Amino acid sequence: MFYQSDVVECSAGVEELAKAIEKKAEKMLNKGYNLVTVSMVGTDKAILVFKI
């Protein structure tokens, strides 16, 4: 099992950050990765962990 992490940043607000997370998750799903967990870092960053 392989894991990959990615940081998503958005300073436009929590709603925009949620949209950015969804967009990244869909992009990675198309590459064969599944989202395992998301950790929020404040209100402008999130760490996403994917597995293949």
Protein backbone atom coordinates (compact mmCIF):
# COMPACT_ATOMS: atom_id res chain seq x y z
CA MET A 1 0.00 0.00 0.00
CA PHE A 2 1.31 3.42 -0.96
CA TYR A 3 0.29 6.71 0.60
CA GLN A 4 0.64 10.25 -0.68
CA SER A 5 -0.02 13.46 1.21
CA ASP A 6 -0.83 16.87 -0.19
CA VAL A 7 -1.39 20.29 1.34
CA VAL A 8 -4.28 22.41 0.07
CA GLU A 9 -4.23 26.13 0.86
CA CYS A 10 -6.95 28.70 0.41
CA SER A 11 -7.06 32.06 2.16
CA ALA A 12 -10.50 32.99 0.75
CA GLY A 13 -12.42 31.31 3.58
CA VAL A 14 -13.58 27.95 4.84
CA GLU A 15 -16.15 27.42 2.07
CA GLU A 16 -13.53 27.98 -0.63
CA LEU A 17 -11.14 25.65 1.20
CA ALA A 18 -13.83 22.95 1.19
CA LYS A 19 -14.25 23.39 -2.57
CA ALA A 20 -10.47 23.16 -3.06
CA ILE A 21 -10.38 19.94 -1.02
CA GLU A 22 -13.18 18.44 -3.12
CA LYS A 23 -11.44 19.45 -6.35
CA LYS A 24 -8.14 17.87 -5.23
CA ALA A 25 -9.89 14.69 -4.05
CA GLU A 26 -11.66 14.30 -7.42
CA LYS A 27 -8.40 14.89 -9.30
CA MET A 28 -6.59 12.26 -7.23
CA LEU A 29 -9.51 9.81 -7.57
CA ASN A 30 -9.12 10.04 -11.35
CA LYS A 31 -5.48 9.01 -10.85
CA GLY A 32 -6.53 5.98 -8.79
CA TYR A 33 -5.97 7.40 -5.29
CA ASN A 34 -8.60 7.27 -2.55
CA LEU A 35 -8.86 9.93 0.13
CA VAL A 36 -8.09 8.42 3.54
CA THR A 37 -8.15 11.42 5.88
CA VAL A 38 -8.12 15.20 6.04
CA SER A 39 -6.53 17.28 8.80
CA MET A 40 -7.37 20.95 9.02
CA VAL A 41 -4.55 23.35 9.88
CA GLY A 42 -6.25 26.53 10.99
CA THR A 43 -8.88 27.87 8.60
CA ASP A 44 -6.70 28.22 5.52
CA LYS A 45 -4.87 24.89 5.10
CA ALA A 46 -5.69 21.20 5.00
CA ILE A 47 -3.50 18.13 4.78
CA LEU A 48 -4.99 15.37 2.64
CA VAL A 49 -3.75 11.78 2.78
CA PHE A 50 -4.47 9.47 -0.14
CA LYS A 51 -3.76 5.78 -0.70
CA ILE A 52 -3.44 3.76 -3.87
